[in-house]
C-alpha atoms as a PDB file:
ATOM      1  CA  MET A   1      -7.846  30.846 102.035  1.00  0.00           C
ATOM      2  CA  ALA A   2     -10.596  33.051 100.608  1.00  0.00           C
ATOM      3  CA  LEU A   3      -8.027  35.635  99.572  1.00  0.00           C
ATOM      4  CA  THR A   4      -5.985  33.030  97.706  1.00  0.00           C
ATOM      5  CA  VAL A   5      -9.020  31.782  95.811  1.00  0.00           C
ATOM      6  CA  SER A   6      -9.985  35.357  94.946  1.00  0.00           C
ATOM      7  CA  LEU A   7      -6.518  36.115  93.576  1.00  0.00           C
ATOM      8  CA  VAL A   8      -6.521  32.898  91.573  1.00  0.00           C
ATOM      9  CA  VAL A   9      -9.853  33.844  90.028  1.00  0.00           C
ATOM     10  CA  LEU A  10      -8.645  37.404  89.347  1.00  0.00           C
ATOM     11  CA  PHE A  11      -5.443  36.246  87.657  1.00  0.00           C
ATOM     12  CA  GLY A  12      -7.395  33.639  85.706  1.00  0.00           C
ATOM     13  CA  ILE A  13      -9.743  36.311  84.405  1.00  0.00           C
ATOM     14  CA  VAL A  14      -6.824  38.574  83.443  1.00  0.00           C
ATOM     15  CA  LEU A  15      -5.121  35.688  81.668  1.00  0.00           C
ATOM     16  CA  GLY A  16      -8.356  34.872  79.835  1.00  0.00           C
ATOM     17  CA  LEU A  17      -8.804  38.490  78.755  1.00  0.00           C
ATOM     18  CA  LEU A  18      -5.217  38.635  77.477  1.00  0.00           C
ATOM     19  CA  LEU A  19      -5.835  35.489  75.457  1.00  0.00           C
ATOM     20  CA  LYS A  20      -9.105  36.836  74.065  1.00  0.00           C
ATOM     21  CA  ALA A  21      -7.492  40.149  73.073  1.00  0.00           C
ATOM     22  CA  LYS A  22      -4.677  38.197  71.433  1.00  0.00           C
ATOM     23  CA  SER A  23      -2.173  40.127  73.567  1.00  0.00           C
ATOM     24  CA  LEU A  24      -0.896  36.807  74.765  1.00  0.00           C
ATOM     25  CA  GLY A  25      -0.488  33.637  72.757  1.00  0.00           C
ATOM     26  CA  VAL A  26      -1.665  30.233  73.908  1.00  0.00           C
ATOM     27  CA  GLY A  27       1.934  29.054  74.273  1.00  0.00           C
ATOM     28  CA  SER A  28       2.830  32.040  76.435  1.00  0.00           C
ATOM     29  CA  ALA A  29      -0.254  31.504  78.578  1.00  0.00           C
ATOM     30  CA  LEU A  30       0.664  27.865  79.081  1.00  0.00           C
ATOM     31  CA  VAL A  31       4.186  28.855  80.113  1.00  0.00           C
ATOM     32  CA  ALA A  32       2.771  31.423  82.573  1.00  0.00           C
ATOM     33  CA  VAL A  33       0.430  28.868  84.149  1.00  0.00           C
ATOM     34  CA  LEU A  34       3.115  26.201  84.391  1.00  0.00           C
ATOM     35  CA  PHE A  35       5.593  28.693  85.859  1.00  0.00           C
ATOM     36  CA  GLY A  36       3.081  29.688  88.546  1.00  0.00           C
ATOM     37  CA  PHE A  37       2.274  26.065  89.294  1.00  0.00           C
ATOM     38  CA  LEU A  38       5.926  25.080  89.621  1.00  0.00           C
ATOM     39  CA  LEU A  39       6.802  28.216  91.596  1.00  0.00           C
ATOM     40  CA  ALA A  40       4.103  27.326  94.129  1.00  0.00           C
ATOM     41  CA  SER A  41       5.876  24.048  94.897  1.00  0.00           C
ATOM     42  CA  THR A  42       9.240  25.672  95.696  1.00  0.00           C
ATOM     43  CA  GLY A  43      10.557  27.329  98.820  1.00  0.00           C
ATOM     44  CA  VAL A  44       9.774  30.726  97.319  1.00  0.00           C
ATOM     45  CA  ALA A  45       6.039  30.160  97.749  1.00  0.00           C
ATOM     46  CA  GLY A  46       6.076  31.195 101.428  1.00  0.00           C
ATOM     47  CA  PRO A  47       7.773  34.578 100.948  1.00  0.00           C
ATOM     48  CA  ILE A  48       5.594  35.354  97.904  1.00  0.00           C
ATOM     49  CA  ASN A  49       2.489  34.498  99.906  1.00  0.00           C
ATOM     50  CA  ASN A  50       3.694  36.727 102.771  1.00  0.00           C
ATOM     51  CA  LEU A  51       4.345  39.589 100.328  1.00  0.00           C
ATOM     52  CA  ILE A  52       0.866  39.288  98.821  1.00  0.00           C
ATOM     53  CA  HIS A  53      -0.726  39.278 102.283  1.00  0.00           C
ATOM     54  CA  ALA A  54       1.312  42.349 103.306  1.00  0.00           C
ATOM     55  CA  LEU A  55       0.227  44.202 100.156  1.00  0.00           C
ATOM     56  CA  VAL A  56      -3.424  43.318 100.711  1.00  0.00           C
ATOM     57  CA  ASP A  57      -3.202  44.438 104.352  1.00  0.00           C
ATOM     58  CA  ALA A  58      -1.546  47.720 103.306  1.00  0.00           C
ATOM     59  CA  ILE A  59      -4.265  48.378 100.722  1.00  0.00           C
ATOM     60  CA  ALA A  60      -6.946  47.605 103.295  1.00  0.00           C
ATOM     61  CA  LYS A  61      -5.394  50.058 105.777  1.00  0.00           C
ATOM     62  CA  VAL A  62      -5.155  52.807 103.139  1.00  0.00           C
ATOM     63  CA  ARG A  63      -8.792  52.370 102.158  1.00  0.00           C
ATOM     64  CA  ALA A  64     -10.001  52.367 105.810  1.00  0.00           C
END
């Protein structure tokens, strides 16, 4: 759970920085947020979550 919250905060910060740098428009940001929200409620959410956990575990093993 802590990992999920951390990734949400990280992606929120990146999205905010893109908006501030005007690299991303408000409409595009809204589409990105809505896409992520809707994707989380589909059957794809489980495999994506597993992939993220596998990547984080692999990074942790490389750094150790």
